[in-house]
Amino acid sequence: NTSLHLAEERSNMFPLIENQAAFLKNGEIIWEKYQEIDYNSEVFIALGRAYEKEHDFHPTTIIGAPTKIYDMRDLVDFGTKYFQTKNH
């Protein structure tokens, strides 16, 4: 779930990396460098399993695909604390 990137940001536990992107400024394409955290969505599965042990969720199917419905605010808050207490 990409909303867990918000939990990564809020946890302040992940290293920063330098990245760059092209922007259009005054009709010209320029490259700007910026810093962002080194996102790691691979940890989301373990986080989700930990969340499901402690919180209610609703498994269902949407257009034939297995889906789990979570309270997003609770999930992001849980994820923030999870990242602060786990060694990544």
N, C-alpha and C. Protein backbone atom coordinates (compact mmCIF):
# COMPACT_ATOMS: atom_id res chain seq x y z
N ASN A 1 0.84 -1.17 0.00
CA ASN A 1 0.00 0.00 0.00
C ASN A 1 0.89 1.24 0.00
N THR A 2 0.75 2.08 -0.98
CA THR A 2 1.64 3.23 -1.10
C THR A 2 1.45 4.25 0.01
N SER A 3 0.33 4.21 0.73
CA SER A 3 0.16 5.14 1.85
C SER A 3 1.17 4.87 2.96
N LEU A 4 1.76 3.69 2.95
CA LEU A 4 2.77 3.38 3.96
C LEU A 4 4.07 4.16 3.72
N HIS A 5 4.24 4.74 2.54
CA HIS A 5 5.39 5.63 2.35
C HIS A 5 5.26 6.85 3.27
N LEU A 6 4.02 7.26 3.57
CA LEU A 6 3.81 8.34 4.54
C LEU A 6 4.33 7.93 5.91
N ALA A 7 4.08 6.68 6.30
CA ALA A 7 4.61 6.18 7.58
C ALA A 7 6.13 6.18 7.56
N GLU A 8 6.73 5.82 6.43
CA GLU A 8 8.19 5.88 6.31
C GLU A 8 8.69 7.30 6.55
N GLU A 9 8.04 8.27 5.91
CA GLU A 9 8.43 9.67 6.07
C GLU A 9 8.29 10.12 7.52
N ARG A 10 7.17 9.81 8.14
CA ARG A 10 6.90 10.25 9.51
C ARG A 10 7.82 9.61 10.54
N SER A 11 8.33 8.44 10.24
CA SER A 11 9.15 7.73 11.23
C SER A 11 10.54 8.35 11.40
N ASN A 12 11.02 9.08 10.40
CA ASN A 12 12.37 9.66 10.42
C ASN A 12 13.45 8.61 10.68
N MET A 13 13.25 7.40 10.18
CA MET A 13 14.18 6.30 10.44
C MET A 13 14.94 5.84 9.19
N PHE A 14 14.64 6.39 8.05
CA PHE A 14 15.24 5.91 6.81
C PHE A 14 16.25 6.92 6.29
N PRO A 15 17.35 6.44 5.71
CA PRO A 15 18.38 7.36 5.21
C PRO A 15 17.89 8.16 4.01
N LEU A 16 18.49 9.33 3.84
CA LEU A 16 18.18 10.17 2.69
C LEU A 16 19.11 9.81 1.53
N ILE A 17 18.57 9.93 0.34
CA ILE A 17 19.38 9.76 -0.87
C ILE A 17 19.17 11.00 -1.74
N GLU A 18 20.15 11.25 -2.59
CA GLU A 18 20.02 12.36 -3.53
C GLU A 18 19.46 11.83 -4.84
N ASN A 19 18.49 12.55 -5.36
CA ASN A 19 17.87 12.17 -6.62
C ASN A 19 17.83 13.41 -7.49
N GLN A 20 17.43 13.26 -8.73
CA GLN A 20 17.27 14.41 -9.61
C GLN A 20 16.14 14.17 -10.58
N ALA A 21 15.57 15.26 -11.05
CA ALA A 21 14.45 15.17 -11.98
C ALA A 21 14.47 16.39 -12.90
N ALA A 22 13.87 16.22 -14.05
CA ALA A 22 13.75 17.31 -15.02
C ALA A 22 12.47 18.10 -14.72
N PHE A 23 12.60 19.44 -14.76
CA PHE A 23 11.47 20.33 -14.55
C PHE A 23 11.42 21.33 -15.69
N LEU A 24 10.22 21.80 -15.97
CA LEU A 24 10.06 22.86 -16.95
C LEU A 24 10.01 24.19 -16.20
N LYS A 25 10.98 25.06 -16.46
CA LYS A 25 11.06 26.35 -15.78
C LYS A 25 11.29 27.44 -16.83
N ASN A 26 10.36 28.38 -16.91
CA ASN A 26 10.44 29.46 -17.89
C ASN A 26 10.62 28.93 -19.31
N GLY A 27 9.92 27.85 -19.61
CA GLY A 27 9.96 27.27 -20.94
C GLY A 27 11.18 26.42 -21.24
N GLU A 28 12.06 26.26 -20.26
CA GLU A 28 13.26 25.44 -20.45
C GLU A 28 13.23 24.24 -19.53
N ILE A 29 13.78 23.15 -20.01
CA ILE A 29 13.91 21.96 -19.18
C ILE A 29 15.22 22.07 -18.40
N ILE A 30 15.10 22.00 -17.08
CA ILE A 30 16.29 22.03 -16.23
C ILE A 30 16.28 20.81 -15.31
N TRP A 31 17.45 20.41 -14.90
CA TRP A 31 17.58 19.29 -13.97
C TRP A 31 17.87 19.85 -12.59
N GLU A 32 17.09 19.39 -11.62
CA GLU A 32 17.27 19.81 -10.23
C GLU A 32 17.54 18.59 -9.37
N LYS A 33 18.44 18.76 -8.41
CA LYS A 33 18.71 17.70 -7.44
C LYS A 33 17.85 17.94 -6.20
N TYR A 34 17.46 16.87 -5.56
CA TYR A 34 16.69 16.96 -4.32
C TYR A 34 16.97 15.72 -3.48
N GLN A 35 16.64 15.80 -2.21
CA GLN A 35 16.80 14.66 -1.31
C GLN A 35 15.44 14.09 -0.97
N GLU A 36 15.41 12.78 -0.85
CA GLU A 36 14.22 12.08 -0.39
C GLU A 36 14.68 10.85 0.37
N ILE A 37 13.76 10.25 1.12
CA ILE A 37 14.19 9.06 1.85
C ILE A 37 14.36 7.90 0.89
N ASP A 38 15.16 6.96 1.30
CA ASP A 38 15.41 5.76 0.51
C ASP A 38 14.27 4.78 0.77
N TYR A 39 13.19 4.92 0.01
CA TYR A 39 11.98 4.12 0.23
C TYR A 39 12.26 2.63 0.08
N ASN A 40 11.57 1.84 0.89
CA ASN A 40 11.74 0.39 0.86
C ASN A 40 10.38 -0.28 1.07
N SER A 41 9.63 -0.44 -0.01
CA SER A 41 8.29 -1.02 0.10
C SER A 41 8.31 -2.52 0.38
N GLU A 42 9.48 -3.15 0.32
CA GLU A 42 9.56 -4.58 0.62
C GLU A 42 9.19 -4.90 2.06
N VAL A 43 9.33 -3.94 2.97
CA VAL A 43 9.00 -4.18 4.38
C VAL A 43 7.49 -4.08 4.63
N PHE A 44 6.72 -3.66 3.64
CA PHE A 44 5.29 -3.46 3.83
C PHE A 44 4.55 -4.76 4.14
N ILE A 45 5.00 -5.88 3.60
CA ILE A 45 4.31 -7.15 3.85
C ILE A 45 4.42 -7.51 5.32
N ALA A 46 5.62 -7.42 5.89
CA ALA A 46 5.81 -7.72 7.32
C ALA A 46 5.03 -6.75 8.18
N LEU A 47 5.02 -5.48 7.80
CA LEU A 47 4.25 -4.49 8.55
C LEU A 47 2.77 -4.84 8.51
N GLY A 48 2.25 -5.20 7.35
CA GLY A 48 0.84 -5.57 7.22
C GLY A 48 0.47 -6.76 8.08
N ARG A 49 1.33 -7.74 8.13
CA ARG A 49 1.06 -8.92 8.97
C ARG A 49 1.04 -8.54 10.44
N ALA A 50 1.96 -7.69 10.86
CA ALA A 50 1.99 -7.23 12.25
C ALA A 50 0.73 -6.44 12.57
N TYR A 51 0.31 -5.59 11.64
CA TYR A 51 -0.91 -4.80 11.83
C TYR A 51 -2.13 -5.71 11.98
N GLU A 52 -2.23 -6.71 11.14
CA GLU A 52 -3.39 -7.62 11.16
C GLU A 52 -3.48 -8.41 12.46
N LYS A 53 -2.37 -8.64 13.14
CA LYS A 53 -2.40 -9.35 14.42
C LYS A 53 -3.02 -8.50 15.53
N GLU A 54 -2.97 -7.18 15.37
CA GLU A 54 -3.42 -6.27 16.42
C GLU A 54 -4.67 -5.47 16.08
N HIS A 55 -5.06 -5.43 14.82
CA HIS A 55 -6.17 -4.57 14.40
C HIS A 55 -7.14 -5.34 13.52
N ASP A 56 -8.37 -4.86 13.52
CA ASP A 56 -9.39 -5.43 12.64
C ASP A 56 -9.14 -4.97 11.20
N PHE A 57 -9.46 -5.83 10.29
CA PHE A 57 -9.44 -5.50 8.87
C PHE A 57 -10.50 -6.35 8.20
N HIS A 58 -10.84 -6.03 6.98
CA HIS A 58 -11.93 -6.71 6.29
C HIS A 58 -11.44 -7.31 4.98
N PRO A 59 -11.20 -8.64 4.97
CA PRO A 59 -10.84 -9.28 3.70
C PRO A 59 -12.06 -9.37 2.79
N THR A 60 -11.87 -9.10 1.53
CA THR A 60 -12.96 -9.15 0.57
C THR A 60 -12.38 -9.43 -0.82
N THR A 61 -13.22 -9.38 -1.82
CA THR A 61 -12.79 -9.53 -3.20
C THR A 61 -13.35 -8.37 -4.01
N ILE A 62 -12.50 -7.75 -4.82
CA ILE A 62 -12.94 -6.66 -5.69
C ILE A 62 -12.55 -7.04 -7.12
N ILE A 63 -13.55 -7.18 -7.96
CA ILE A 63 -13.37 -7.59 -9.35
C ILE A 63 -12.49 -8.84 -9.43
N GLY A 64 -12.76 -9.78 -8.56
CA GLY A 64 -12.06 -11.06 -8.57
C GLY A 64 -10.70 -11.07 -7.88
N ALA A 65 -10.24 -9.92 -7.39
CA ALA A 65 -8.92 -9.86 -6.75
C ALA A 65 -9.07 -9.84 -5.23
N PRO A 66 -8.34 -10.71 -4.54
CA PRO A 66 -8.37 -10.68 -3.07
C PRO A 66 -7.88 -9.32 -2.57
N THR A 67 -8.62 -8.76 -1.63
CA THR A 67 -8.36 -7.41 -1.14
C THR A 67 -8.56 -7.37 0.36
N LYS A 68 -7.81 -6.53 1.04
CA LYS A 68 -7.98 -6.31 2.47
C LYS A 68 -8.28 -4.83 2.68
N ILE A 69 -9.34 -4.56 3.41
CA ILE A 69 -9.74 -3.18 3.69
C ILE A 69 -9.25 -2.82 5.09
N TYR A 70 -8.43 -1.76 5.18
CA TYR A 70 -7.87 -1.29 6.44
C TYR A 70 -8.36 0.12 6.74
N ASP A 71 -8.35 0.50 8.01
CA ASP A 71 -8.52 1.89 8.40
C ASP A 71 -7.18 2.57 8.12
N MET A 72 -7.13 3.43 7.12
CA MET A 72 -5.86 3.98 6.66
C MET A 72 -5.15 4.81 7.73
N ARG A 73 -5.89 5.62 8.47
CA ARG A 73 -5.25 6.43 9.50
C ARG A 73 -4.58 5.54 10.53
N ASP A 74 -5.29 4.49 10.98
CA ASP A 74 -4.71 3.55 11.95
C ASP A 74 -3.50 2.85 11.36
N LEU A 75 -3.58 2.45 10.09
CA LEU A 75 -2.48 1.74 9.45
C LEU A 75 -1.23 2.63 9.35
N VAL A 76 -1.40 3.88 8.96
CA VAL A 76 -0.26 4.79 8.84
C VAL A 76 0.34 5.07 10.22
N ASP A 77 -0.51 5.30 11.23
CA ASP A 77 -0.01 5.52 12.59
C ASP A 77 0.74 4.29 13.09
N PHE A 78 0.17 3.11 12.86
CA PHE A 78 0.83 1.87 13.26
C PHE A 78 2.16 1.72 12.52
N GLY A 79 2.14 1.99 11.22
CA GLY A 79 3.35 1.87 10.42
C GLY A 79 4.46 2.80 10.89
N THR A 80 4.10 4.01 11.27
CA THR A 80 5.09 4.96 11.78
C THR A 80 5.78 4.40 13.02
N LYS A 81 4.99 3.90 13.96
CA LYS A 81 5.56 3.32 15.18
C LYS A 81 6.34 2.05 14.87
N TYR A 82 5.84 1.25 13.96
CA TYR A 82 6.51 0.02 13.55
C TYR A 82 7.91 0.33 13.03
N PHE A 83 8.01 1.31 12.15
CA PHE A 83 9.31 1.66 11.59
C PHE A 83 10.25 2.22 12.65
N GLN A 84 9.69 2.93 13.63
CA GLN A 84 10.52 3.51 14.69
C GLN A 84 11.08 2.45 15.64
N THR A 85 10.44 1.28 15.69
CA THR A 85 10.88 0.25 16.63
C THR A 85 11.58 -0.92 15.97
N LYS A 86 11.54 -1.00 14.67
CA LYS A 86 12.18 -2.10 13.93
C LYS A 86 13.50 -1.63 13.33
N ASN A 87 14.44 -2.55 13.25
CA ASN A 87 15.73 -2.23 12.65
C ASN A 87 15.66 -2.53 11.15
N HIS A 88 15.77 -1.52 10.32
CA HIS A 88 15.68 -1.69 8.87
C HIS A 88 17.03 -1.46 8.25
